[in-house]
C-alpha cells in the first residue's frame, strides 16, 4: 500500500469511529427521552389509580353512613 492509501484508511477509520460515536449518543438521547416519557406516564397512571381508590373508599363510607 502507498502512503496515501494508508492515510486514507486511517482517516476512514477515524471518521467512521466518530460517526458511530455520534450515532450512539443520538440513540442514548432518544432512549432517555422515551424513558422519561414512560416514567411520566406511569406516574400519572399511579396518581389516577390512587385517586380512584380513595374515591371508591369515600363512596363506600358514604353508603355505610347513609
PDB file of N, CA and C in Angstrom:
ATOM      1  N   UNK A   1       0.840  -1.185   0.000  1.00  0.00           N
ATOM      2  CA  UNK A   1       0.000   0.000   0.000  1.00  0.00           C
ATOM      3  C   UNK A   1       0.882   1.245   0.000  1.00  0.00           C
ATOM      4  N   UNK A   2       0.386   2.244  -0.651  1.00  0.00           N
ATOM      5  CA  UNK A   2       1.137   3.502  -0.681  1.00  0.00           C
ATOM      6  C   UNK A   2       0.833   4.296   0.588  1.00  0.00           C
ATOM      7  N   UNK A   3       1.607   5.315   0.783  1.00  0.00           N
ATOM      8  CA  UNK A   3       1.424   6.169   1.958  1.00  0.00           C
ATOM      9  C   UNK A   3       0.038   6.823   1.925  1.00  0.00           C
ATOM     10  N   UNK A   4      -0.394   7.265   0.739  1.00  0.00           N
ATOM     11  CA  UNK A   4      -1.708   7.898   0.631  1.00  0.00           C
ATOM     12  C   UNK A   4      -2.833   6.921   0.964  1.00  0.00           C
ATOM     13  N   UNK A   5      -2.713   5.685   0.516  1.00  0.00           N
ATOM     14  CA  UNK A   5      -3.733   4.686   0.819  1.00  0.00           C
ATOM     15  C   UNK A   5      -3.792   4.401   2.321  1.00  0.00           C
ATOM     16  N   UNK A   6      -2.670   4.321   2.943  1.00  0.00           N
ATOM     17  CA  UNK A   6      -2.626   4.087   4.392  1.00  0.00           C
ATOM     18  C   UNK A   6      -3.268   5.260   5.137  1.00  0.00           C
ATOM     19  N   UNK A   7      -2.947   6.485   4.695  1.00  0.00           N
ATOM     20  CA  UNK A   7      -3.545   7.657   5.336  1.00  0.00           C
ATOM     21  C   UNK A   7      -5.061   7.689   5.138  1.00  0.00           C
ATOM     22  N   UNK A   8      -5.512   7.360   3.921  1.00  0.00           N
ATOM     23  CA  UNK A   8      -6.954   7.318   3.671  1.00  0.00           C
ATOM     24  C   UNK A   8      -7.625   6.247   4.537  1.00  0.00           C
ATOM     25  N   UNK A   9      -6.966   5.118   4.727  1.00  0.00           N
ATOM     26  CA  UNK A   9      -7.505   4.064   5.583  1.00  0.00           C
ATOM     27  C   UNK A   9      -7.624   4.553   7.022  1.00  0.00           C
ATOM     28  N   UNK A  10      -6.588   5.189   7.514  1.00  0.00           N
ATOM     29  CA  UNK A  10      -6.611   5.705   8.890  1.00  0.00           C
ATOM     30  C   UNK A  10      -7.702   6.766   9.046  1.00  0.00           C
ATOM     31  N   UNK A  11      -7.773   7.690   8.093  1.00  0.00           N
ATOM     32  CA  UNK A  11      -8.793   8.729   8.164  1.00  0.00           C
ATOM     33  C   UNK A  11     -10.192   8.134   8.090  1.00  0.00           C
ATOM     34  N   UNK A  12     -10.366   7.143   7.240  1.00  0.00           N
ATOM     35  CA  UNK A  12     -11.665   6.490   7.128  1.00  0.00           C
ATOM     36  C   UNK A  12     -12.084   5.820   8.427  1.00  0.00           C
ATOM     37  N   UNK A  13     -11.141   5.149   9.068  1.00  0.00           N
ATOM     38  CA  UNK A  13     -11.431   4.505  10.356  1.00  0.00           C
ATOM     39  C   UNK A  13     -11.779   5.550  11.409  1.00  0.00           C
ATOM     40  N   UNK A  14     -11.030   6.621  11.456  1.00  0.00           N
ATOM     41  CA  UNK A  14     -11.280   7.668  12.447  1.00  0.00           C
ATOM     42  C   UNK A  14     -12.634   8.352  12.210  1.00  0.00           C
ATOM     43  N   UNK A  15     -12.942   8.650  10.961  1.00  0.00           N
ATOM     44  CA  UNK A  15     -14.221   9.290  10.652  1.00  0.00           C
ATOM     45  C   UNK A  15     -15.370   8.331  10.960  1.00  0.00           C
ATOM     46  N   UNK A  16     -15.188   7.049  10.639  1.00  0.00           N
ATOM     47  CA  UNK A  16     -16.207   6.052  10.952  1.00  0.00           C
ATOM     48  C   UNK A  16     -16.432   5.918  12.448  1.00  0.00           C
ATOM     49  N   UNK A  17     -15.357   5.938  13.220  1.00  0.00           N
ATOM     50  CA  UNK A  17     -15.483   5.848  14.678  1.00  0.00           C
ATOM     51  C   UNK A  17     -16.209   7.071  15.235  1.00  0.00           C
ATOM     52  N   UNK A  18     -15.888   8.244  14.694  1.00  0.00           N
ATOM     53  CA  UNK A  18     -16.563   9.466  15.141  1.00  0.00           C
ATOM     54  C   UNK A  18     -18.043   9.440  14.780  1.00  0.00           C
ATOM     55  N   UNK A  19     -18.359   8.944  13.591  1.00  0.00           N
ATOM     56  CA  UNK A  19     -19.760   8.855  13.169  1.00  0.00           C
ATOM     57  C   UNK A  19     -20.529   7.878  14.059  1.00  0.00           C
ATOM     58  N   UNK A  20     -19.922   6.751  14.388  1.00  0.00           N
ATOM     59  CA  UNK A  20     -20.591   5.777  15.257  1.00  0.00           C
ATOM     60  C   UNK A  20     -20.777   6.345  16.667  1.00  0.00           C
ATOM     61  N   UNK A  21     -19.804   7.086  17.152  1.00  0.00           N
ATOM     62  CA  UNK A  21     -19.932   7.718  18.470  1.00  0.00           C
ATOM     63  C   UNK A  21     -21.089   8.704  18.485  1.00  0.00           C
ATOM     64  N   UNK A  22     -21.215   9.477  17.417  1.00  0.00           N
ATOM     65  CA  UNK A  22     -22.331  10.417  17.318  1.00  0.00           C
ATOM     66  C   UNK A  22     -23.664   9.680  17.243  1.00  0.00           C
ATOM     67  N   UNK A  23     -23.696   8.593  16.506  1.00  0.00           N
ATOM     68  CA  UNK A  23     -24.920   7.803  16.386  1.00  0.00           C
ATOM     69  C   UNK A  23     -25.308   7.195  17.729  1.00  0.00           C
ATOM     70  N   UNK A  24     -24.347   6.690  18.469  1.00  0.00           N
ATOM     71  CA  UNK A  24     -24.627   6.131  19.795  1.00  0.00           C
ATOM     72  C   UNK A  24     -25.124   7.212  20.749  1.00  0.00           C
ATOM     73  N   UNK A  25     -24.562   8.400  20.662  1.00  0.00           N
ATOM     74  CA  UNK A  25     -25.042   9.498  21.511  1.00  0.00           C
ATOM     75  C   UNK A  25     -26.486   9.855  21.162  1.00  0.00           C
ATOM     76  N   UNK A  26     -26.810   9.869  19.883  1.00  0.00           N
ATOM     77  CA  UNK A  26     -28.189  10.143  19.454  1.00  0.00           C
ATOM     78  C   UNK A  26     -29.141   9.073  19.972  1.00  0.00           C
ATOM     79  N   UNK A  27     -28.744   7.810  19.842  1.00  0.00           N
ATOM     80  CA  UNK A  27     -29.596   6.719  20.332  1.00  0.00           C
ATOM     81  C   UNK A  27     -29.791   6.809  21.838  1.00  0.00           C
ATOM     82  N   UNK A  28     -28.746   7.138  22.569  1.00  0.00           N
ATOM     83  CA  UNK A  28     -28.854   7.262  24.027  1.00  0.00           C
ATOM     84  C   UNK A  28     -29.802   8.402  24.399  1.00  0.00           C
ATOM     85  N   UNK A  29     -29.717   9.510  23.681  1.00  0.00           N
ATOM     86  CA  UNK A  29     -30.616  10.633  23.941  1.00  0.00           C
ATOM     87  C   UNK A  29     -32.064  10.241  23.657  1.00  0.00           C
ATOM     88  N   UNK A  30     -32.281   9.545  22.558  1.00  0.00           N
ATOM     89  CA  UNK A  30     -33.630   9.113  22.195  1.00  0.00           C
ATOM     90  C   UNK A  30     -34.190   8.131  23.228  1.00  0.00           C
ATOM     91  N   UNK A  31     -33.355   7.206  23.706  1.00  0.00           N
ATOM     92  CA  UNK A  31     -33.793   6.259  24.738  1.00  0.00           C
ATOM     93  C   UNK A  31     -34.105   6.973  26.046  1.00  0.00           C
ATOM     94  N   UNK A  32     -33.319   7.992  26.379  1.00  0.00           N
ATOM     95  CA  UNK A  32     -33.579   8.756  27.601  1.00  0.00           C
ATOM     96  C   UNK A  32     -34.910   9.490  27.507  1.00  0.00           C
ATOM     97  N   UNK A  33     -35.203  10.057  26.346  1.00  0.00           N
ATOM     98  CA  UNK A  33     -36.494  10.739  26.159  1.00  0.00           C
ATOM     99  C   UNK A  33     -37.644   9.760  26.286  1.00  0.00           C
ATOM    100  N   UNK A  34     -37.499   8.583  25.700  1.00  0.00           N
ATOM    101  CA  UNK A  34     -38.550   7.572  25.809  1.00  0.00           C
ATOM    102  C   UNK A  34     -38.730   7.117  27.250  1.00  0.00           C
ATOM    103  N   UNK A  35     -37.639   6.929  27.967  1.00  0.00           N
ATOM    104  CA  UNK A  35     -37.725   6.511  29.368  1.00  0.00           C
ATOM    105  C   UNK A  35     -38.394   7.588  30.215  1.00  0.00           C
ATOM    106  N   UNK A  36     -38.055   8.845  29.938  1.00  0.00           N
ATOM    107  CA  UNK A  36     -38.659   9.953  30.676  1.00  0.00           C
ATOM    108  C   UNK A  36     -40.166  10.000  30.423  1.00  0.00           C
ATOM    109  N   UNK A  37     -40.572   9.797  29.178  1.00  0.00           N
ATOM    110  CA  UNK A  37     -41.995   9.800  28.832  1.00  0.00           C
ATOM    111  C   UNK A  37     -42.709   8.632  29.506  1.00  0.00           C
ATOM    112  N   UNK A  38     -42.081   7.459  29.501  1.00  0.00           N
ATOM    113  CA  UNK A  38     -42.683   6.288  30.143  1.00  0.00           C
ATOM    114  C   UNK A  38     -42.809   6.496  31.649  1.00  0.00           C
ATOM    115  N   UNK A  39     -41.820   7.096  32.261  1.00  0.00           N
ATOM    116  CA  UNK A  39     -41.877   7.347  33.705  1.00  0.00           C
ATOM    117  C   UNK A  39     -42.988   8.348  34.034  1.00  0.00           C
ATOM    118  N   UNK A  40     -43.116   9.374  33.216  1.00  0.00           N
ATOM    119  CA  UNK A  40     -44.176  10.364  33.434  1.00  0.00           C
ATOM    120  C   UNK A  40     -45.557   9.728  33.270  1.00  0.00           C
ATOM    121  N   UNK A  41     -45.705   8.867  32.278  1.00  0.00           N
ATOM    122  CA  UNK A  41     -46.972   8.176  32.072  1.00  0.00           C
ATOM    123  C   UNK A  41     -47.286   7.267  33.253  1.00  0.00           C
ATOM    124  N   UNK A  42     -46.295   6.543  33.741  1.00  0.00           N
ATOM    125  CA  UNK A  42     -46.500   5.657  34.891  1.00  0.00           C
ATOM    126  C   UNK A  42     -46.863   6.468  36.134  1.00  0.00           C
ATOM    127  N   UNK A  43     -46.210   7.616  36.315  1.00  0.00           N
ATOM    128  CA  UNK A  43     -46.515   8.456  37.475  1.00  0.00           C
ATOM    129  C   UNK A  43     -47.947   8.957  37.416  1.00  0.00           C
ATOM    130  N   UNK A  44     -48.381   9.402  36.245  1.00  0.00           N
ATOM    131  CA  UNK A  44     -49.755   9.886  36.105  1.00  0.00           C
ATOM    132  C   UNK A  44     -50.764   8.765  36.305  1.00  0.00           C
ATOM    133  N   UNK A  45     -50.459   7.588  35.767  1.00  0.00           N
ATOM    134  CA  UNK A  45     -51.355   6.454  35.930  1.00  0.00           C
ATOM    135  C   UNK A  45     -51.481   6.073  37.410  1.00  0.00           C
ATOM    136  N   UNK A  46     -50.373   6.066  38.116  1.00  0.00           N
ATOM    137  CA  UNK A  46     -50.396   5.728  39.539  1.00  0.00           C
ATOM    138  C   UNK A  46     -51.190   6.763  40.333  1.00  0.00           C
ATOM    139  N   UNK A  47     -51.019   8.033  39.976  1.00  0.00           N
ATOM    140  CA  UNK A  47     -51.778   9.086  40.661  1.00  0.00           C
ATOM    141  C   UNK A  47     -53.267   8.925  40.392  1.00  0.00           C
ATOM    142  N   UNK A  48     -53.625   8.585  39.166  1.00  0.00           N
ATOM    143  CA  UNK A  48     -55.032   8.370  38.828  1.00  0.00           C
ATOM    144  C   UNK A  48     -55.612   7.178  39.560  1.00  0.00           C
ATOM    145  N   UNK A  49     -54.856   6.099  39.638  1.00  0.00           N
ATOM    146  CA  UNK A  49     -55.326   4.913  40.365  1.00  0.00           C
ATOM    147  C   UNK A  49     -55.480   5.203  41.853  1.00  0.00           C
ATOM    148  N   UNK A  50     -54.549   5.962  42.402  1.00  0.00           N
ATOM    149  CA  UNK A  50     -54.640   6.319  43.828  1.00  0.00           C
ATOM    150  C   UNK A  50     -55.892   7.174  44.071  1.00  0.00           C
ATOM    151  N   UNK A  51     -56.160   8.109  43.160  1.00  0.00           N
ATOM    152  CA  UNK A  51     -57.353   8.945  43.291  1.00  0.00           C
ATOM    153  C   UNK A  51     -58.624   8.100  43.206  1.00  0.00           C
ATOM    154  N   UNK A  52     -58.680   7.208  42.221  1.00  0.00           N
ATOM    155  CA  UNK A  52     -59.879   6.380  42.076  1.00  0.00           C
ATOM    156  C   UNK A  52     -60.078   5.449  43.267  1.00  0.00           C
ATOM    157  N   UNK A  53     -58.984   4.936  43.825  1.00  0.00           N
ATOM    158  CA  UNK A  53     -59.095   4.085  45.004  1.00  0.00           C
ATOM    159  C   UNK A  53     -59.632   4.879  46.197  1.00  0.00           C
ATOM    160  N   UNK A  54     -59.141   6.093  46.392  1.00  0.00           N
ATOM    161  CA  UNK A  54     -59.634   6.903  47.511  1.00  0.00           C
ATOM    162  C   UNK A  54     -61.080   7.332  47.275  1.00  0.00           C
ATOM    163  N   UNK A  55     -61.453   7.585  46.025  1.00  0.00           N
ATOM    164  CA  UNK A  55     -62.841   7.928  45.720  1.00  0.00           C
ATOM    165  C   UNK A  55     -63.755   6.750  46.015  1.00  0.00           C
ATOM    166  N   UNK A  56     -63.330   5.563  45.639  1.00  0.00           N
ATOM    167  CA  UNK A  56     -64.135   4.368  45.905  1.00  0.00           C
ATOM    168  C   UNK A  56     -64.290   4.165  47.408  1.00  0.00           C
ATOM    169  N   UNK A  57     -63.228   4.343  48.153  1.00  0.00           N
ATOM    170  CA  UNK A  57     -63.303   4.201  49.605  1.00  0.00           C
ATOM    171  C   UNK A  57     -64.252   5.246  50.191  1.00  0.00           C
ATOM    172  N   UNK A  58     -64.179   6.462  49.714  1.00  0.00           N
ATOM    173  CA  UNK A  58     -65.078   7.518  50.170  1.00  0.00           C
ATOM    174  C   UNK A  58     -66.530   7.156  49.871  1.00  0.00           C
ATOM    175  N   UNK A  59     -66.797   6.645  48.681  1.00  0.00           N
ATOM    176  CA  UNK A  59     -68.164   6.269  48.314  1.00  0.00           C
ATOM    177  C   UNK A  59     -68.677   5.139  49.183  1.00  0.00           C
ATOM    178  N   UNK A  60     -67.830   4.170  49.477  1.00  0.00           N
ATOM    179  CA  UNK A  60     -68.254   3.066  50.345  1.00  0.00           C
ATOM    180  C   UNK A  60     -68.551   3.561  51.751  1.00  0.00           C
ATOM    181  N   UNK A  61     -67.763   4.487  52.257  1.00  0.00           N
ATOM    182  CA  UNK A  61     -68.012   5.027  53.594  1.00  0.00           C
ATOM    183  C   UNK A  61     -69.313   5.823  53.620  1.00  0.00           C
ATOM    184  N   UNK A  62     -69.593   6.557  52.552  1.00  0.00           N
ATOM    185  CA  UNK A  62     -70.835   7.331  52.493  1.00  0.00           C
ATOM    186  C   UNK A  62     -72.043   6.419  52.454  1.00  0.00           C
ATOM    187  N   UNK A  63     -71.937   5.290  51.770  1.00  0.00           N
ATOM    188  CA  UNK A  63     -73.057   4.340  51.710  1.00  0.00           C
ATOM    189  C   UNK A  63     -73.317   3.721  53.078  1.00  0.00           C
ATOM    190  N   UNK A  64     -72.249   3.409  53.812  1.00  0.00           N
ATOM    191  CA  UNK A  64     -72.422   2.757  55.115  1.00  0.00           C
ATOM    192  C   UNK A  64     -73.011   3.733  56.135  1.00  0.00           C
ATOM    193  N   UNK A  65     -72.771   5.019  55.971  1.00  0.00           N
ATOM    194  CA  UNK A  65     -73.330   6.016  56.908  1.00  0.00           C
ATOM    195  C   UNK A  65     -74.791   6.324  56.572  1.00  0.00           C
ATOM    196  N   UNK A  66     -75.133   6.248  55.292  1.00  0.00           N
ATOM    197  CA  UNK A  66     -76.435   6.685  54.851  1.00  0.00           C
ATOM    198  C   UNK A  66     -77.471   5.652  54.924  1.00  0.00           C
TER     199      UNK A  66
END
